[in-house]
């Protein structure tokens, strides 16, 4: 195994542990809960094997589902955003994505925030629609999606800023 693979495995394990041990127990105002584990999908390199990435994303969601007893909704949301990620990357980064020249540490803050926000909103929308699975509760679903997304976007942005390598 090379260093890159070990880094991804380490990131996977740490994000799952933080989510399961700490963040799953935050339930602010009854429906706001951050989902930092999607940072694994956000930061996964674009040049790596796409099929392996889909498998890792499914395992990530399934692991969170097992610890949360949530019946597969996290796995479905993770696989969905993993599948949609190339479209979102192309829309967010344009020609930099087409030329495979995206380096997450060197891109502008606004572009990075847009990318994280889109992935988070899609993930949370799918997650909460499947969790509630009742259109009569659409207002509750939209509230959970909006407020949990804001909390998750803030947390993901803070974590990426804290742990980013400073490039000169």
N, C-alpha and C. Protein backbone atom coordinates (compact mmCIF):
# COMPACT_ATOMS: atom_id res chain seq x y z
N UNK A 1 0.82 -1.18 0.00
CA UNK A 1 0.00 0.00 0.00
C UNK A 1 0.87 1.25 0.00
N UNK A 2 0.48 2.19 -0.81
CA UNK A 2 1.23 3.44 -0.84
C UNK A 2 0.67 4.42 0.19
N UNK A 3 1.35 5.55 0.34
CA UNK A 3 0.95 6.53 1.36
C UNK A 3 -0.43 7.12 1.09
N UNK A 4 -0.77 7.30 -0.17
CA UNK A 4 -2.07 7.86 -0.52
C UNK A 4 -3.21 6.95 -0.06
N UNK A 5 -3.05 5.66 -0.29
CA UNK A 5 -4.07 4.70 0.14
C UNK A 5 -4.20 4.67 1.65
N UNK A 6 -3.08 4.71 2.34
CA UNK A 6 -3.11 4.73 3.80
C UNK A 6 -3.78 6.00 4.32
N UNK A 7 -3.53 7.12 3.66
CA UNK A 7 -4.17 8.37 4.06
C UNK A 7 -5.68 8.28 3.93
N UNK A 8 -6.16 7.68 2.83
CA UNK A 8 -7.60 7.56 2.62
C UNK A 8 -8.23 6.61 3.63
N UNK A 9 -7.56 5.52 3.93
CA UNK A 9 -8.06 4.59 4.94
C UNK A 9 -8.10 5.27 6.31
N UNK A 10 -7.04 6.00 6.65
CA UNK A 10 -6.98 6.73 7.91
C UNK A 10 -8.10 7.77 7.99
N UNK A 11 -8.30 8.52 6.91
CA UNK A 11 -9.37 9.53 6.86
C UNK A 11 -10.74 8.87 7.02
N UNK A 12 -10.93 7.74 6.37
CA UNK A 12 -12.18 6.99 6.45
C UNK A 12 -12.46 6.61 7.90
N UNK A 13 -11.48 5.99 8.56
CA UNK A 13 -11.65 5.51 9.93
C UNK A 13 -11.89 6.67 10.90
N UNK A 14 -11.09 7.73 10.78
CA UNK A 14 -11.23 8.87 11.68
C UNK A 14 -12.59 9.54 11.52
N UNK A 15 -13.03 9.75 10.28
CA UNK A 15 -14.32 10.40 10.06
C UNK A 15 -15.48 9.55 10.57
N UNK A 16 -15.40 8.24 10.39
CA UNK A 16 -16.44 7.36 10.92
C UNK A 16 -16.45 7.42 12.45
N UNK A 17 -15.28 7.35 13.07
CA UNK A 17 -15.22 7.40 14.53
C UNK A 17 -15.75 8.72 15.08
N UNK A 18 -15.36 9.83 14.48
CA UNK A 18 -15.83 11.14 14.95
C UNK A 18 -17.35 11.23 14.77
N UNK A 19 -17.85 10.74 13.65
CA UNK A 19 -19.29 10.80 13.41
C UNK A 19 -20.06 9.95 14.41
N UNK A 20 -19.61 8.72 14.61
CA UNK A 20 -20.34 7.78 15.45
C UNK A 20 -20.21 8.12 16.94
N UNK A 21 -19.01 8.46 17.38
CA UNK A 21 -18.78 8.68 18.80
C UNK A 21 -19.23 10.06 19.26
N UNK A 22 -19.03 11.08 18.42
CA UNK A 22 -19.31 12.45 18.87
C UNK A 22 -20.54 13.04 18.18
N UNK A 23 -20.50 13.14 16.86
CA UNK A 23 -21.48 13.94 16.13
C UNK A 23 -22.89 13.34 16.08
N UNK A 24 -23.00 12.01 16.13
CA UNK A 24 -24.34 11.41 16.13
C UNK A 24 -25.11 11.72 17.41
N UNK A 25 -24.42 12.17 18.43
CA UNK A 25 -25.08 12.48 19.71
C UNK A 25 -25.44 13.95 19.83
N UNK A 26 -25.11 14.73 18.81
CA UNK A 26 -25.53 16.14 18.77
C UNK A 26 -26.88 16.16 18.07
N UNK A 27 -27.85 16.66 18.75
CA UNK A 27 -29.18 16.77 18.16
C UNK A 27 -29.77 18.11 18.58
N UNK A 28 -29.18 19.16 18.04
CA UNK A 28 -29.53 20.52 18.42
C UNK A 28 -30.94 20.87 17.96
N UNK A 29 -31.76 21.36 18.85
CA UNK A 29 -33.15 21.75 18.60
C UNK A 29 -34.00 20.59 18.07
N UNK A 30 -33.56 19.38 18.27
CA UNK A 30 -34.35 18.22 17.89
C UNK A 30 -34.14 17.72 16.48
N UNK A 31 -33.55 18.52 15.60
CA UNK A 31 -33.40 18.05 14.22
C UNK A 31 -32.14 18.52 13.51
N UNK A 32 -31.26 19.21 14.19
CA UNK A 32 -30.02 19.65 13.56
C UNK A 32 -28.89 18.73 13.99
N UNK A 33 -28.30 18.06 13.02
CA UNK A 33 -27.24 17.11 13.29
C UNK A 33 -26.19 17.22 12.18
N UNK A 34 -24.92 17.44 12.52
CA UNK A 34 -23.88 17.55 11.48
C UNK A 34 -23.44 16.17 10.99
N UNK A 35 -23.12 16.08 9.73
CA UNK A 35 -22.65 14.83 9.13
C UNK A 35 -21.29 15.08 8.48
N UNK A 36 -20.27 15.11 9.31
CA UNK A 36 -18.91 15.39 8.85
C UNK A 36 -18.34 14.28 7.98
N UNK A 37 -18.85 13.07 8.08
CA UNK A 37 -18.29 11.94 7.35
C UNK A 37 -18.31 12.13 5.84
N UNK A 38 -19.17 13.02 5.32
CA UNK A 38 -19.19 13.23 3.87
C UNK A 38 -17.93 13.92 3.37
N UNK A 39 -17.12 14.41 4.30
CA UNK A 39 -15.84 15.01 3.93
C UNK A 39 -14.94 14.00 3.22
N UNK A 40 -15.11 12.71 3.52
CA UNK A 40 -14.36 11.67 2.81
C UNK A 40 -14.67 11.72 1.32
N UNK A 41 -15.92 11.87 0.98
CA UNK A 41 -16.33 11.92 -0.42
C UNK A 41 -15.90 13.23 -1.06
N UNK A 42 -16.02 14.31 -0.32
CA UNK A 42 -15.64 15.63 -0.83
C UNK A 42 -14.16 15.68 -1.19
N UNK A 43 -13.31 15.11 -0.35
CA UNK A 43 -11.86 15.23 -0.52
C UNK A 43 -11.21 14.08 -1.29
N UNK A 44 -11.97 13.08 -1.69
CA UNK A 44 -11.38 11.95 -2.40
C UNK A 44 -10.83 12.42 -3.75
N UNK A 45 -9.60 11.99 -4.11
CA UNK A 45 -8.98 12.46 -5.36
C UNK A 45 -9.78 12.07 -6.60
N UNK A 46 -9.77 12.95 -7.58
CA UNK A 46 -10.57 12.71 -8.79
C UNK A 46 -9.91 11.71 -9.73
N UNK A 47 -8.62 11.50 -9.58
CA UNK A 47 -7.91 10.62 -10.51
C UNK A 47 -7.98 9.14 -10.11
N UNK A 48 -8.44 8.83 -8.91
CA UNK A 48 -8.47 7.44 -8.45
C UNK A 48 -9.61 6.67 -9.10
N UNK A 49 -9.56 5.35 -8.95
CA UNK A 49 -10.51 4.43 -9.54
C UNK A 49 -11.94 4.76 -9.09
N UNK A 50 -12.82 5.02 -10.05
CA UNK A 50 -14.20 5.42 -9.74
C UNK A 50 -15.01 4.28 -9.13
N UNK A 51 -14.81 3.06 -9.59
CA UNK A 51 -15.55 1.92 -9.04
C UNK A 51 -15.16 1.68 -7.58
N UNK A 52 -13.88 1.78 -7.29
CA UNK A 52 -13.40 1.63 -5.92
C UNK A 52 -13.95 2.75 -5.05
N UNK A 53 -14.04 3.95 -5.58
CA UNK A 53 -14.59 5.09 -4.86
C UNK A 53 -16.07 4.86 -4.53
N UNK A 54 -16.83 4.32 -5.48
CA UNK A 54 -18.24 3.99 -5.21
C UNK A 54 -18.36 2.94 -4.11
N UNK A 55 -17.47 1.97 -4.12
CA UNK A 55 -17.46 0.93 -3.09
C UNK A 55 -17.13 1.53 -1.72
N UNK A 56 -16.09 2.37 -1.67
CA UNK A 56 -15.73 3.04 -0.41
C UNK A 56 -16.89 3.89 0.11
N UNK A 57 -17.55 4.60 -0.78
CA UNK A 57 -18.66 5.45 -0.36
C UNK A 57 -19.82 4.62 0.18
N UNK A 58 -20.09 3.51 -0.47
CA UNK A 58 -21.14 2.62 0.02
C UNK A 58 -20.77 2.07 1.40
N UNK A 59 -19.52 1.64 1.56
CA UNK A 59 -19.07 1.13 2.85
C UNK A 59 -19.11 2.22 3.93
N UNK A 60 -18.78 3.44 3.57
CA UNK A 60 -18.85 4.56 4.50
C UNK A 60 -20.29 4.75 4.99
N UNK A 61 -21.21 4.85 4.05
CA UNK A 61 -22.61 5.02 4.42
C UNK A 61 -23.17 3.84 5.19
N UNK A 62 -22.79 2.63 4.78
CA UNK A 62 -23.26 1.43 5.45
C UNK A 62 -22.74 1.35 6.89
N UNK A 63 -21.49 1.76 7.09
CA UNK A 63 -20.90 1.77 8.43
C UNK A 63 -21.65 2.76 9.33
N UNK A 64 -21.93 3.94 8.80
CA UNK A 64 -22.69 4.93 9.57
C UNK A 64 -24.09 4.39 9.84
N UNK A 65 -24.70 3.73 8.86
CA UNK A 65 -26.03 3.14 9.05
C UNK A 65 -26.03 2.07 10.14
N UNK A 66 -25.00 1.25 10.17
CA UNK A 66 -24.94 0.20 11.19
C UNK A 66 -24.87 0.79 12.59
N UNK A 67 -24.07 1.83 12.76
CA UNK A 67 -23.94 2.45 14.08
C UNK A 67 -25.14 3.33 14.43
N UNK A 68 -25.83 3.84 13.43
CA UNK A 68 -26.96 4.74 13.67
C UNK A 68 -28.30 4.02 13.63
N UNK A 69 -28.30 2.75 13.20
CA UNK A 69 -29.52 1.96 13.05
C UNK A 69 -30.52 2.70 12.17
N UNK A 70 -30.04 3.10 10.99
CA UNK A 70 -30.87 3.93 10.12
C UNK A 70 -31.30 3.24 8.82
N UNK A 71 -31.05 1.98 8.68
CA UNK A 71 -31.65 1.21 7.60
C UNK A 71 -31.18 1.49 6.19
N UNK A 72 -30.02 2.04 5.98
CA UNK A 72 -29.46 2.20 4.65
C UNK A 72 -29.59 3.58 4.03
N UNK A 73 -30.16 4.54 4.74
CA UNK A 73 -30.34 5.86 4.15
C UNK A 73 -29.01 6.58 3.94
N UNK A 74 -28.06 6.39 4.84
CA UNK A 74 -26.75 7.02 4.69
C UNK A 74 -26.00 6.40 3.50
N UNK A 75 -26.11 5.09 3.34
CA UNK A 75 -25.46 4.43 2.20
C UNK A 75 -26.04 4.92 0.88
N UNK A 76 -27.35 5.06 0.82
CA UNK A 76 -27.98 5.56 -0.41
C UNK A 76 -27.56 6.99 -0.71
N UNK A 77 -27.51 7.84 0.31
CA UNK A 77 -27.12 9.23 0.11
C UNK A 77 -25.66 9.33 -0.31
N UNK A 78 -24.79 8.53 0.30
CA UNK A 78 -23.36 8.55 -0.05
C UNK A 78 -23.12 8.08 -1.48
N UNK A 79 -23.75 7.00 -1.86
CA UNK A 79 -23.57 6.50 -3.23
C UNK A 79 -24.12 7.50 -4.24
N UNK A 80 -25.22 8.14 -3.90
CA UNK A 80 -25.81 9.14 -4.81
C UNK A 80 -24.87 10.31 -5.05
N UNK A 81 -24.31 10.87 -3.98
CA UNK A 81 -23.42 12.02 -4.21
C UNK A 81 -22.10 11.60 -4.83
N UNK A 82 -21.68 10.37 -4.59
CA UNK A 82 -20.47 9.87 -5.26
C UNK A 82 -20.71 9.75 -6.76
N UNK A 83 -21.88 9.28 -7.11
CA UNK A 83 -22.23 9.14 -8.52
C UNK A 83 -22.37 10.51 -9.20
N UNK A 84 -22.92 11.48 -8.49
CA UNK A 84 -23.14 12.82 -9.05
C UNK A 84 -21.91 13.72 -8.96
N UNK A 85 -20.91 13.32 -8.20
CA UNK A 85 -19.74 14.14 -7.94
C UNK A 85 -19.02 14.65 -9.20
N UNK A 86 -18.81 13.84 -10.24
CA UNK A 86 -18.14 14.38 -11.45
C UNK A 86 -18.91 15.54 -12.09
N UNK A 87 -20.23 15.48 -12.09
CA UNK A 87 -21.02 16.58 -12.63
C UNK A 87 -20.87 17.83 -11.77
N UNK A 88 -20.87 17.66 -10.47
CA UNK A 88 -20.73 18.79 -9.56
C UNK A 88 -19.32 19.38 -9.65
N UNK A 89 -18.31 18.51 -9.77
CA UNK A 89 -16.94 18.99 -9.94
C UNK A 89 -16.81 19.81 -11.23
N UNK A 90 -17.39 19.30 -12.31
CA UNK A 90 -17.31 20.01 -13.58
C UNK A 90 -18.04 21.34 -13.50
N UNK A 91 -19.19 21.36 -12.85
CA UNK A 91 -19.95 22.59 -12.72
C UNK A 91 -19.24 23.60 -11.81
N UNK A 92 -18.64 23.10 -10.73
CA UNK A 92 -17.98 23.99 -9.77
C UNK A 92 -16.64 24.51 -10.25
N UNK A 93 -15.84 23.62 -10.86
CA UNK A 93 -14.45 23.97 -11.18
C UNK A 93 -14.20 24.18 -12.67
N UNK A 94 -15.13 23.80 -13.52
CA UNK A 94 -15.00 24.05 -14.94
C UNK A 94 -13.82 23.37 -15.59
N UNK A 95 -13.00 24.14 -16.28
CA UNK A 95 -11.90 23.57 -17.06
C UNK A 95 -10.81 22.96 -16.17
N UNK A 96 -10.68 23.42 -14.94
CA UNK A 96 -9.69 22.82 -14.03
C UNK A 96 -10.02 21.35 -13.79
N UNK A 97 -11.30 21.02 -13.72
CA UNK A 97 -11.70 19.62 -13.55
C UNK A 97 -11.43 18.82 -14.83
N UNK A 98 -11.74 19.41 -15.97
CA UNK A 98 -11.55 18.71 -17.24
C UNK A 98 -10.07 18.38 -17.49
N UNK A 99 -9.18 19.21 -16.99
CA UNK A 99 -7.75 18.98 -17.16
C UNK A 99 -7.12 18.27 -15.96
N UNK A 100 -7.97 17.82 -15.04
CA UNK A 100 -7.51 17.12 -13.83
C UNK A 100 -6.46 17.91 -13.07
N UNK A 101 -6.63 19.22 -13.00
CA UNK A 101 -5.64 20.05 -12.32
C UNK A 101 -6.17 20.66 -11.03
N UNK A 102 -7.19 20.03 -10.44
CA UNK A 102 -7.76 20.55 -9.20
C UNK A 102 -6.89 20.10 -8.03
N UNK A 103 -6.43 21.06 -7.26
CA UNK A 103 -5.75 20.78 -6.00
C UNK A 103 -6.55 21.51 -4.94
N UNK A 104 -7.17 20.75 -4.06
CA UNK A 104 -8.13 21.31 -3.12
C UNK A 104 -7.53 22.39 -2.23
N UNK A 105 -6.24 22.30 -1.96
CA UNK A 105 -5.60 23.30 -1.10
C UNK A 105 -5.33 24.62 -1.81
N UNK A 106 -5.34 24.62 -3.14
CA UNK A 106 -4.97 25.82 -3.87
C UNK A 106 -6.15 26.54 -4.52
N UNK A 107 -7.34 25.97 -4.47
CA UNK A 107 -8.48 26.62 -5.12
C UNK A 107 -9.04 27.73 -4.23
N UNK A 108 -9.78 28.63 -4.83
CA UNK A 108 -10.36 29.76 -4.11
C UNK A 108 -11.37 29.28 -3.08
N UNK A 109 -11.48 30.06 -2.01
CA UNK A 109 -12.39 29.70 -0.92
C UNK A 109 -13.84 29.63 -1.39
N UNK A 110 -14.26 30.58 -2.22
CA UNK A 110 -15.64 30.61 -2.70
C UNK A 110 -16.00 29.39 -3.52
N UNK A 111 -15.09 28.97 -4.37
CA UNK A 111 -15.32 27.78 -5.20
C UNK A 111 -15.37 26.52 -4.34
N UNK A 112 -14.47 26.46 -3.37
CA UNK A 112 -14.46 25.32 -2.45
C UNK A 112 -15.76 25.26 -1.65
N UNK A 113 -16.21 26.41 -1.18
CA UNK A 113 -17.45 26.49 -0.41
C UNK A 113 -18.66 26.09 -1.26
N UNK A 114 -18.68 26.52 -2.51
CA UNK A 114 -19.77 26.15 -3.43
C UNK A 114 -19.81 24.64 -3.63
N UNK A 115 -18.66 24.05 -3.88
CA UNK A 115 -18.56 22.60 -4.09
C UNK A 115 -19.03 21.83 -2.86
N UNK A 116 -18.55 22.20 -1.68
CA UNK A 116 -18.95 21.53 -0.44
C UNK A 116 -20.45 21.72 -0.21
N UNK A 117 -20.96 22.91 -0.48
CA UNK A 117 -22.37 23.21 -0.25
C UNK A 117 -23.28 22.38 -1.15
N UNK A 118 -22.94 22.28 -2.41
CA UNK A 118 -23.79 21.52 -3.34
C UNK A 118 -23.82 20.05 -2.95
N UNK A 119 -22.65 19.47 -2.69
CA UNK A 119 -22.61 18.06 -2.29
C UNK A 119 -23.38 17.83 -0.99
N UNK A 120 -23.22 18.73 -0.05
CA UNK A 120 -23.89 18.58 1.25
C UNK A 120 -25.40 18.70 1.10
N UNK A 121 -25.87 19.68 0.34
CA UNK A 121 -27.31 19.84 0.15
C UNK A 121 -27.94 18.63 -0.53
N UNK A 122 -27.28 18.11 -1.55
CA UNK A 122 -27.80 16.92 -2.24
C UNK A 122 -27.81 15.73 -1.28
N UNK A 123 -26.71 15.53 -0.56
CA UNK A 123 -26.63 14.42 0.40
C UNK A 123 -27.74 14.51 1.44
N UNK A 124 -27.90 15.68 2.03
CA UNK A 124 -28.88 15.83 3.10
C UNK A 124 -30.32 15.72 2.58
N UNK A 125 -30.55 16.24 1.40
CA UNK A 125 -31.88 16.13 0.80
C UNK A 125 -32.26 14.67 0.59
N UNK A 126 -31.37 13.90 0.00
CA UNK A 126 -31.62 12.47 -0.21
C UNK A 126 -31.77 11.76 1.13
N UNK A 127 -30.86 12.04 2.06
CA UNK A 127 -30.88 11.40 3.37
C UNK A 127 -32.20 11.62 4.09
N UNK A 128 -32.64 12.87 4.17
CA UNK A 128 -33.85 13.16 4.94
C UNK A 128 -35.13 12.79 4.20
N UNK A 129 -35.12 12.86 2.88
CA UNK A 129 -36.29 12.38 2.13
C UNK A 129 -36.48 10.88 2.34
N UNK A 130 -35.39 10.12 2.33
CA UNK A 130 -35.50 8.68 2.57
C UNK A 130 -35.81 8.36 4.03
N UNK A 131 -35.29 9.19 4.93
CA UNK A 131 -35.52 8.95 6.36
C UNK A 131 -36.98 9.19 6.73
N UNK A 132 -37.54 10.30 6.28
CA UNK A 132 -38.92 10.63 6.61
C UNK A 132 -39.88 9.85 5.72
N UNK A 133 -39.60 9.81 4.43
CA UNK A 133 -40.35 9.06 3.42
C UNK A 133 -41.86 9.29 3.50
N UNK A 134 -42.21 10.57 3.65
CA UNK A 134 -43.62 10.93 3.73
C UNK A 134 -43.75 12.37 3.25
N UNK A 135 -44.43 12.56 2.14
CA UNK A 135 -44.54 13.91 1.57
C UNK A 135 -45.41 14.84 2.40
N UNK A 136 -46.20 14.30 3.31
CA UNK A 136 -46.96 15.17 4.20
C UNK A 136 -46.06 15.85 5.23
N UNK A 137 -44.85 15.34 5.37
CA UNK A 137 -43.86 15.91 6.29
C UNK A 137 -42.77 16.68 5.54
N UNK A 138 -43.12 17.26 4.39
CA UNK A 138 -42.13 17.92 3.54
C UNK A 138 -41.52 19.14 4.23
N UNK A 139 -42.29 19.85 5.03
CA UNK A 139 -41.75 21.02 5.73
C UNK A 139 -40.68 20.59 6.73
N UNK A 140 -40.95 19.53 7.49
CA UNK A 140 -39.96 18.99 8.42
C UNK A 140 -38.71 18.52 7.68
N UNK A 141 -38.91 17.87 6.55
CA UNK A 141 -37.78 17.39 5.75
C UNK A 141 -36.93 18.56 5.25
N UNK A 142 -37.58 19.60 4.78
CA UNK A 142 -36.84 20.77 4.29
C UNK A 142 -36.12 21.49 5.42
N UNK A 143 -36.75 21.56 6.60
CA UNK A 143 -36.10 22.17 7.76
C UNK A 143 -34.86 21.39 8.15
N UNK A 144 -35.00 20.07 8.25
CA UNK A 144 -33.86 19.24 8.62
C UNK A 144 -32.75 19.36 7.59
N UNK A 145 -33.12 19.36 6.32
CA UNK A 145 -32.13 19.48 5.25
C UNK A 145 -31.40 20.81 5.33
N UNK A 146 -32.13 21.89 5.44
CA UNK A 146 -31.53 23.22 5.44
C UNK A 146 -30.63 23.43 6.65
N UNK A 147 -31.15 23.20 7.84
CA UNK A 147 -30.38 23.51 9.04
C UNK A 147 -29.22 22.54 9.27
N UNK A 148 -29.42 21.26 8.99
CA UNK A 148 -28.31 20.32 9.11
C UNK A 148 -27.25 20.59 8.05
N UNK A 149 -27.68 21.02 6.87
CA UNK A 149 -26.72 21.36 5.81
C UNK A 149 -25.87 22.55 6.21
N UNK A 150 -26.49 23.57 6.76
CA UNK A 150 -25.72 24.74 7.19
C UNK A 150 -24.68 24.34 8.23
N UNK A 151 -25.10 23.55 9.21
CA UNK A 151 -24.20 23.09 10.26
C UNK A 151 -23.07 22.23 9.68
N UNK A 152 -23.41 21.33 8.77
CA UNK A 152 -22.41 20.45 8.15
C UNK A 152 -21.44 21.23 7.28
N UNK A 153 -21.94 22.18 6.49
CA UNK A 153 -21.09 22.99 5.63
C UNK A 153 -20.09 23.79 6.46
N UNK A 154 -20.57 24.40 7.54
CA UNK A 154 -19.68 25.14 8.43
C UNK A 154 -18.61 24.23 9.03
N UNK A 155 -19.02 23.08 9.51
CA UNK A 155 -18.08 22.14 10.13
C UNK A 155 -17.06 21.62 9.11
N UNK A 156 -17.52 21.24 7.92
CA UNK A 156 -16.60 20.75 6.87
C UNK A 156 -15.61 21.84 6.46
N UNK A 157 -16.10 23.07 6.32
CA UNK A 157 -15.23 24.18 5.93
C UNK A 157 -14.17 24.44 7.00
N UNK A 158 -14.59 24.45 8.25
CA UNK A 158 -13.64 24.67 9.35
C UNK A 158 -12.60 23.57 9.39
N UNK A 159 -13.02 22.32 9.24
CA UNK A 159 -12.08 21.19 9.28
C UNK A 159 -11.11 21.26 8.11
N UNK A 160 -11.59 21.60 6.91
CA UNK A 160 -10.68 21.68 5.77
C UNK A 160 -9.69 22.83 5.92
N UNK A 161 -10.11 23.92 6.53
CA UNK A 161 -9.19 25.04 6.76
C UNK A 161 -8.14 24.65 7.80
N UNK A 162 -8.57 24.02 8.88
CA UNK A 162 -7.64 23.64 9.96
C UNK A 162 -6.61 22.62 9.47
N UNK A 163 -7.05 21.63 8.70
CA UNK A 163 -6.17 20.55 8.31
C UNK A 163 -5.58 20.68 6.92
N UNK A 164 -5.73 21.83 6.28
CA UNK A 164 -5.16 21.99 4.94
C UNK A 164 -3.67 22.30 5.05
N UNK A 165 -2.96 21.81 4.04
CA UNK A 165 -1.53 22.11 3.96
C UNK A 165 -1.40 23.50 3.37
N UNK A 166 -0.61 24.30 3.97
CA UNK A 166 -0.41 25.65 3.46
C UNK A 166 0.55 25.60 2.28
N UNK A 167 0.08 26.08 1.14
CA UNK A 167 0.94 26.11 -0.05
C UNK A 167 1.38 27.54 -0.31
N UNK A 168 2.60 27.70 -0.72
CA UNK A 168 3.15 29.04 -0.95
C UNK A 168 3.42 29.28 -2.42
